[in-house]
Amino acid sequence: MWTDGACKGNPGPGGWGALLVAGGREKELWGGESPTTNNRMELTGVIEALRALKRPCSIVLHVDSTYVMQGMSSWIAGWKRNGWRTSSKQPVKNADLWRALDEEIAQHEVRWVWVKGHAGDPGNERADQLANRGVAEL
């Protein structure tokens, strides 16, 4: 699974994309909204990709967003422990999406992989194209 987000302006019109590959089959997903932010679209891409799964799965999830990677690997446990507040007691930005993502990943076994964006990873390049399609089709 590869996901990506795009935003034309931040905030501005945005899109998300996801490429799901399993058993020799591929599924492409995309969408958009406006106004939004790049971080919201990065999160939405992951959430929508996971929502597309029909049953619990073991997934290798590729993202190019350090925001998503750090959120999942470092920040989310503390946010949940602190009632969705940061260490400085401020409300977590995009808490609605972080909560939705937390609910989705609880149903699956997820191995997170960070890939550098725009660096030739074929799955990431396709997810980026789908995210831009989401913006274009608004």
C-alpha atoms as a PDB file:
ATOM      1  CA  MET A   1       0.000   0.000   0.000  1.00  0.00           C
ATOM      2  CA  TRP A   2       1.274   3.459  -0.965  1.00  0.00           C
ATOM      3  CA  THR A   3      -0.479   6.680  -0.006  1.00  0.00           C
ATOM      4  CA  ASP A   4       0.145  10.357  -0.633  1.00  0.00           C
ATOM      5  CA  GLY A   5      -1.400  13.772  -0.211  1.00  0.00           C
ATOM      6  CA  ALA A   6      -1.159  16.961  -2.249  1.00  0.00           C
ATOM      7  CA  CYS A   7      -2.221  20.532  -1.690  1.00  0.00           C
ATOM      8  CA  LYS A   8      -2.154  23.519  -4.044  1.00  0.00           C
ATOM      9  CA  GLY A   9      -1.553  26.190  -1.464  1.00  0.00           C
ATOM     10  CA  ASN A  10      -1.479  25.309   2.200  1.00  0.00           C
ATOM     11  CA  PRO A  11      -4.341  25.710   2.928  1.00  0.00           C
ATOM     12  CA  GLY A  12      -5.921  25.352  -0.465  1.00  0.00           C
ATOM     13  CA  PRO A  13      -7.456  22.705  -2.702  1.00  0.00           C
ATOM     14  CA  GLY A  14      -6.050  19.312  -1.821  1.00  0.00           C
ATOM     15  CA  GLY A  15      -6.112  15.699  -2.894  1.00  0.00           C
ATOM     16  CA  TRP A  16      -5.167  12.279  -1.611  1.00  0.00           C
ATOM     17  CA  GLY A  17      -4.254   9.107  -3.419  1.00  0.00           C
ATOM     18  CA  ALA A  18      -3.661   5.470  -2.597  1.00  0.00           C
ATOM     19  CA  LEU A  19      -2.371   2.457  -4.481  1.00  0.00           C
ATOM     20  CA  LEU A  20      -3.263  -0.949  -3.041  1.00  0.00           C
ATOM     21  CA  VAL A  21      -1.462  -4.013  -4.412  1.00  0.00           C
ATOM     22  CA  ALA A  22      -2.227  -7.600  -3.387  1.00  0.00           C
ATOM     23  CA  GLY A  23      -2.050 -10.942  -5.131  1.00  0.00           C
ATOM     24  CA  GLY A  24      -1.169  -9.423  -8.485  1.00  0.00           C
ATOM     25  CA  ARG A  25      -4.165  -7.077  -8.359  1.00  0.00           C
ATOM     26  CA  GLU A  26      -4.125  -3.313  -8.012  1.00  0.00           C
ATOM     27  CA  LYS A  27      -6.677  -0.809  -6.808  1.00  0.00           C
ATOM     28  CA  GLU A  28      -6.356   2.952  -7.173  1.00  0.00           C
ATOM     29  CA  LEU A  29      -8.197   5.379  -4.898  1.00  0.00           C
ATOM     30  CA  TRP A  30      -8.262   9.163  -4.885  1.00  0.00           C
ATOM     31  CA  GLY A  31     -10.294  12.119  -3.710  1.00  0.00           C
ATOM     32  CA  GLY A  32     -10.030  15.735  -2.735  1.00  0.00           C
ATOM     33  CA  GLU A  33     -11.435  18.599  -0.724  1.00  0.00           C
ATOM     34  CA  SER A  34     -11.082  22.336  -0.442  1.00  0.00           C
ATOM     35  CA  PRO A  35      -9.938  24.146   1.510  1.00  0.00           C
ATOM     36  CA  THR A  36      -7.589  21.773   3.285  1.00  0.00           C
ATOM     37  CA  THR A  37      -3.929  21.294   4.171  1.00  0.00           C
ATOM     38  CA  ASN A  38      -1.216  18.966   2.974  1.00  0.00           C
ATOM     39  CA  ASN A  39      -1.081  17.205   6.348  1.00  0.00           C
ATOM     40  CA  ARG A  40      -4.816  16.552   6.279  1.00  0.00           C
ATOM     41  CA  MET A  41      -4.533  15.047   2.803  1.00  0.00           C
ATOM     42  CA  GLU A  42      -1.583  12.843   3.833  1.00  0.00           C
ATOM     43  CA  LEU A  43      -3.650  11.479   6.733  1.00  0.00           C
ATOM     44  CA  THR A  44      -6.786  11.094   4.622  1.00  0.00           C
ATOM     45  CA  GLY A  45      -4.905   9.036   2.034  1.00  0.00           C
ATOM     46  CA  VAL A  46      -3.860   6.522   4.677  1.00  0.00           C
ATOM     47  CA  ILE A  47      -7.309   6.416   6.288  1.00  0.00           C
ATOM     48  CA  GLU A  48      -9.152   5.902   3.001  1.00  0.00           C
ATOM     49  CA  ALA A  49      -6.716   3.194   1.888  1.00  0.00           C
ATOM     50  CA  LEU A  50      -7.276   1.287   5.134  1.00  0.00           C
ATOM     51  CA  ARG A  51     -11.046   1.770   4.929  1.00  0.00           C
ATOM     52  CA  ALA A  52     -11.002   0.110   1.507  1.00  0.00           C
ATOM     53  CA  LEU A  53      -9.872  -3.182   3.037  1.00  0.00           C
ATOM     54  CA  LYS A  54     -12.694  -5.686   3.492  1.00  0.00           C
ATOM     55  CA  ARG A  55     -11.086  -7.699   6.315  1.00  0.00           C
ATOM     56  CA  PRO A  56      -8.156  -7.467   8.736  1.00  0.00           C
ATOM     57  CA  CYS A  57      -4.900  -7.608   6.776  1.00  0.00           C
ATOM     58  CA  SER A  58      -1.156  -7.610   7.183  1.00  0.00           C
ATOM     59  CA  ILE A  59       0.024  -4.478   5.346  1.00  0.00           C
ATOM     60  CA  VAL A  60       3.266  -2.846   4.359  1.00  0.00           C
ATOM     61  CA  LEU A  61       2.241   0.810   4.217  1.00  0.00           C
ATOM     62  CA  HIS A  62       4.530   3.211   2.345  1.00  0.00           C
ATOM     63  CA  VAL A  63       4.244   6.942   3.028  1.00  0.00           C
ATOM     64  CA  ASP A  64       6.461   9.902   2.156  1.00  0.00           C
ATOM     65  CA  SER A  65       5.091  12.049   4.981  1.00  0.00           C
ATOM     66  CA  THR A  66       7.363  12.522   7.981  1.00  0.00           C
ATOM     67  CA  TYR A  67       4.304  14.029   9.722  1.00  0.00           C
ATOM     68  CA  VAL A  68       2.407  10.736   9.421  1.00  0.00           C
ATOM     69  CA  MET A  69       5.461   8.629  10.273  1.00  0.00           C
ATOM     70  CA  GLN A  70       6.367  10.641  13.378  1.00  0.00           C
ATOM     71  CA  GLY A  71       2.747  10.814  14.443  1.00  0.00           C
ATOM     72  CA  MET A  72       2.383   7.047  14.319  1.00  0.00           C
ATOM     73  CA  SER A  73       5.803   6.136  15.701  1.00  0.00           C
ATOM     74  CA  SER A  74       6.388   8.854  18.299  1.00  0.00           C
ATOM     75  CA  TRP A  75       3.479  11.130  19.071  1.00  0.00           C
ATOM     76  CA  ILE A  76       0.162   9.250  19.056  1.00  0.00           C
ATOM     77  CA  ALA A  77       0.697   7.254  22.256  1.00  0.00           C
ATOM     78  CA  GLY A  78       1.336  10.453  24.225  1.00  0.00           C
ATOM     79  CA  TRP A  79      -1.584  12.255  22.607  1.00  0.00           C
ATOM     80  CA  LYS A  80      -3.947   9.447  23.576  1.00  0.00           C
ATOM     81  CA  ARG A  81      -2.529   9.333  27.098  1.00  0.00           C
ATOM     82  CA  ASN A  82      -2.957  13.130  27.395  1.00  0.00           C
ATOM     83  CA  GLY A  83      -6.539  13.232  26.104  1.00  0.00           C
ATOM     84  CA  TRP A  84      -5.515  14.286  22.577  1.00  0.00           C
ATOM     85  CA  ARG A  85      -3.366  17.154  23.801  1.00  0.00           C
ATOM     86  CA  THR A  86       0.253  17.829  22.965  1.00  0.00           C
ATOM     87  CA  SER A  87       3.060  17.874  25.530  1.00  0.00           C
ATOM     88  CA  SER A  88       2.493  21.655  25.733  1.00  0.00           C
ATOM     89  CA  LYS A  89      -1.191  20.990  26.603  1.00  0.00           C
ATOM     90  CA  GLN A  90      -2.466  22.306  23.249  1.00  0.00           C
ATOM     91  CA  PRO A  91      -5.146  20.409  21.299  1.00  0.00           C
ATOM     92  CA  VAL A  92      -3.634  18.046  18.713  1.00  0.00           C
ATOM     93  CA  LYS A  93      -3.973  19.452  15.192  1.00  0.00           C
ATOM     94  CA  ASN A  94      -6.049  17.206  12.937  1.00  0.00           C
ATOM     95  CA  ALA A  95      -7.169  15.157  15.954  1.00  0.00           C
ATOM     96  CA  ASP A  96     -10.281  14.023  14.068  1.00  0.00           C
ATOM     97  CA  LEU A  97      -8.107  12.367  11.428  1.00  0.00           C
ATOM     98  CA  TRP A  98      -5.557  10.982  13.893  1.00  0.00           C
ATOM     99  CA  ARG A  99      -8.412   9.347  15.815  1.00  0.00           C
ATOM    100  CA  ALA A 100      -9.861   7.897  12.611  1.00  0.00           C
ATOM    101  CA  LEU A 101      -6.438   6.575  11.623  1.00  0.00           C
ATOM    102  CA  ASP A 102      -5.949   5.068  15.077  1.00  0.00           C
ATOM    103  CA  GLU A 103      -9.278   3.230  14.723  1.00  0.00           C
ATOM    104  CA  GLU A 104      -8.372   1.912  11.267  1.00  0.00           C
ATOM    105  CA  ILE A 105      -4.903   0.636  12.132  1.00  0.00           C
ATOM    106  CA  ALA A 106      -6.258  -1.179  15.183  1.00  0.00           C
ATOM    107  CA  GLN A 107      -7.941  -3.602  12.770  1.00  0.00           C
ATOM    108  CA  HIS A 108      -4.764  -4.525  10.872  1.00  0.00           C
ATOM    109  CA  GLU A 109      -1.140  -5.507  11.274  1.00  0.00           C
ATOM    110  CA  VAL A 110       0.709  -2.532   9.767  1.00  0.00           C
ATOM    111  CA  ARG A 111       4.401  -2.201   9.020  1.00  0.00           C
ATOM    112  CA  TRP A 112       5.174   1.434   8.259  1.00  0.00           C
ATOM    113  CA  VAL A 113       7.795   2.267   5.632  1.00  0.00           C
ATOM    114  CA  TRP A 114       8.933   5.802   4.887  1.00  0.00           C
ATOM    115  CA  VAL A 115       9.940   6.499   1.284  1.00  0.00           C
ATOM    116  CA  LYS A 116      11.426   9.682  -0.052  1.00  0.00           C
ATOM    117  CA  GLY A 117       8.869  11.503  -2.170  1.00  0.00           C
ATOM    118  CA  HIS A 118       9.590  12.262  -5.823  1.00  0.00           C
ATOM    119  CA  ALA A 119      12.626   9.979  -5.749  1.00  0.00           C
ATOM    120  CA  GLY A 120      11.559   7.268  -8.183  1.00  0.00           C
ATOM    121  CA  ASP A 121       9.701   4.791  -5.950  1.00  0.00           C
ATOM    122  CA  PRO A 122       7.097   3.507  -8.447  1.00  0.00           C
ATOM    123  CA  GLY A 123       4.321   3.058  -5.857  1.00  0.00           C
ATOM    124  CA  ASN A 124       4.932   6.489  -4.366  1.00  0.00           C
ATOM    125  CA  GLU A 125       4.973   8.111  -7.807  1.00  0.00           C
ATOM    126  CA  ARG A 126       1.597   6.540  -8.617  1.00  0.00           C
ATOM    127  CA  ALA A 127       0.120   7.583  -5.259  1.00  0.00           C
ATOM    128  CA  ASP A 128       1.348  11.126  -5.957  1.00  0.00           C
ATOM    129  CA  GLN A 129      -0.327  11.085  -9.385  1.00  0.00           C
ATOM    130  CA  LEU A 130      -3.560   9.903  -7.776  1.00  0.00           C
ATOM    131  CA  ALA A 131      -3.384  12.648  -5.132  1.00  0.00           C
ATOM    132  CA  ASN A 132      -2.949  15.245  -7.862  1.00  0.00           C
ATOM    133  CA  ARG A 133      -5.879  13.691  -9.724  1.00  0.00           C
ATOM    134  CA  GLY A 134      -7.924  14.216  -6.551  1.00  0.00           C
ATOM    135  CA  VAL A 135      -7.077  17.931  -6.674  1.00  0.00           C
ATOM    136  CA  ALA A 136      -7.756  18.184 -10.409  1.00  0.00           C
ATOM    137  CA  GLU A 137     -11.194  16.595 -10.128  1.00  0.00           C
ATOM    138  CA  LEU A 138     -12.480  18.978  -7.433  1.00  0.00           C
END
